[in-house]
Amino acid sequence: MANKKVNNDTIEEILKRFDSGETPADLATSYGVHPSTIRRYLRQNGRQLSRISHTTEIDQDIKMELRRVLSKFNVDNVDILISEIDKHFIIEKRQREEDSAFEIIHL
């Protein structure tokens, strides 16, 4: 995904839409940027973010595991695929005693 520059007018629009109840993930989709970009603009402009507002953010260790698995199967564009997964899915490790032999990632 290419990095897009967002001008000040667009940032103001993002702030207004966020203040009206839109989530960072929805705004990111609307503006064609990664949700972390939207969250950065919001924080820089004094907006408080709750954990719920960015549930699509995948932990780094899960990203590394996804990268390992996708590479094993010769998937092209692994970073782009992980970025798209990061935007649209909630992925987290599930820790349970009976699963201690391996980590489970569930969607």
Protein backbone atom coordinates (compact mmCIF):
# COMPACT_ATOMS: atom_id res chain seq x y z
CA MET A 1 0.00 0.00 0.00
CA ALA A 2 1.45 3.35 -0.96
CA ASN A 3 1.72 6.06 1.67
CA LYS A 4 -0.73 8.84 0.93
CA LYS A 5 -0.25 12.43 2.02
CA VAL A 6 -3.33 13.93 3.61
CA ASN A 7 -3.71 17.71 3.53
CA ASN A 8 -4.89 19.89 6.44
CA ASP A 9 -8.42 20.26 5.06
CA THR A 10 -8.74 16.49 4.87
CA ILE A 11 -7.45 16.13 8.44
CA GLU A 12 -10.10 18.61 9.60
CA GLU A 13 -12.73 16.56 7.80
CA ILE A 14 -11.42 13.37 9.43
CA LEU A 15 -11.62 15.03 12.87
CA LYS A 16 -15.22 16.14 12.27
CA ARG A 17 -16.25 12.68 11.07
CA PHE A 18 -14.54 11.04 14.07
CA ASP A 19 -16.28 13.49 16.42
CA SER A 20 -19.57 12.48 14.77
CA GLY A 21 -18.99 8.84 15.68
CA GLU A 22 -17.11 7.24 12.80
CA THR A 23 -14.39 4.77 13.76
CA PRO A 24 -10.74 5.06 12.72
CA ALA A 25 -11.11 1.84 10.73
CA ASP A 26 -14.08 3.23 8.78
CA LEU A 27 -12.27 6.52 8.18
CA ALA A 28 -9.17 4.67 6.99
CA THR A 29 -11.24 2.74 4.47
CA SER A 30 -12.91 5.94 3.31
CA TYR A 31 -9.61 7.79 2.80
CA GLY A 32 -7.59 4.83 1.52
CA VAL A 33 -5.03 4.88 4.32
CA HIS A 34 -4.09 2.48 7.11
CA PRO A 35 -6.07 2.78 10.38
CA SER A 36 -2.86 3.63 12.27
CA THR A 37 -2.51 6.72 10.07
CA ILE A 38 -5.97 7.89 11.09
CA ARG A 39 -5.26 7.15 14.76
CA ARG A 40 -2.03 9.16 14.55
CA TYR A 41 -3.90 12.19 13.12
CA LEU A 42 -6.53 11.87 15.83
CA ARG A 43 -3.98 11.67 18.67
CA GLN A 44 -1.98 14.58 17.23
CA ASN A 45 -5.15 16.65 17.30
CA GLY A 46 -6.07 15.86 20.90
CA ARG A 47 -8.66 13.15 20.36
CA GLN A 48 -8.83 10.38 22.95
CA LEU A 49 -8.99 6.88 21.54
CA SER A 50 -10.42 3.89 23.32
CA ARG A 51 -9.08 0.40 22.74
CA ILE A 52 -12.37 -0.48 21.05
CA SER A 53 -11.77 2.18 18.40
CA HIS A 54 -8.86 0.25 16.92
CA THR A 55 -9.60 -3.41 17.45
CA THR A 56 -8.24 -4.31 14.04
CA GLU A 57 -4.68 -3.60 15.08
CA ILE A 58 -2.82 -6.92 15.01
CA ASP A 59 -0.12 -7.54 17.62
CA GLN A 60 3.42 -7.67 16.23
CA ASP A 61 3.97 -11.31 17.27
CA ILE A 62 0.83 -12.34 15.38
CA LYS A 63 1.98 -10.42 12.30
CA MET A 64 5.30 -12.27 12.44
CA GLU A 65 3.50 -15.62 12.64
CA LEU A 66 1.20 -14.70 9.76
CA ARG A 67 4.22 -13.65 7.71
CA ARG A 68 5.93 -16.98 8.48
CA VAL A 69 2.88 -19.06 7.53
CA LEU A 70 2.08 -17.10 4.36
CA SER A 71 5.70 -17.26 3.22
CA LYS A 72 5.76 -21.01 3.79
CA PHE A 73 2.97 -21.34 1.24
CA ASN A 74 4.67 -18.96 -1.22
CA VAL A 75 1.97 -16.29 -0.96
CA ASP A 76 2.93 -13.18 -2.91
CA ASN A 77 2.66 -9.68 -1.45
CA VAL A 78 2.68 -10.89 2.15
CA ASP A 79 2.96 -7.38 3.63
CA ILE A 80 0.05 -6.07 1.59
CA LEU A 81 -2.07 -9.08 2.53
CA ILE A 82 -1.28 -8.64 6.24
CA SER A 83 -2.12 -4.94 5.98
CA GLU A 84 -5.51 -5.75 4.43
CA ILE A 85 -6.20 -8.40 7.08
CA ASP A 86 -5.21 -5.84 9.73
CA LYS A 87 -7.81 -3.39 8.39
CA HIS A 88 -10.76 -5.77 8.25
CA PHE A 89 -10.37 -8.51 10.86
CA ILE A 90 -9.85 -8.90 14.57
CA ILE A 91 -7.07 -11.39 15.13
CA GLU A 92 -5.85 -12.40 18.56
CA LYS A 93 -4.16 -15.31 20.22
CA ARG A 94 -6.32 -17.58 22.28
CA GLN A 95 -4.49 -19.04 25.27
CA ARG A 96 -5.96 -22.18 26.76
CA GLU A 97 -4.28 -25.06 28.54
CA GLU A 98 -5.35 -27.68 26.01
CA ASP A 99 -3.80 -25.55 23.24
CA SER A 100 -0.43 -25.09 24.91
CA ALA A 101 1.40 -27.07 22.18
CA PHE A 102 0.69 -24.33 19.62
CA GLU A 103 -0.73 -20.85 19.29
CA ILE A 104 -4.17 -20.42 17.79
CA ILE A 105 -5.15 -17.41 15.76
CA HIS A 106 -8.91 -17.06 15.32
CA LEU A 107 -10.94 -14.68 13.18
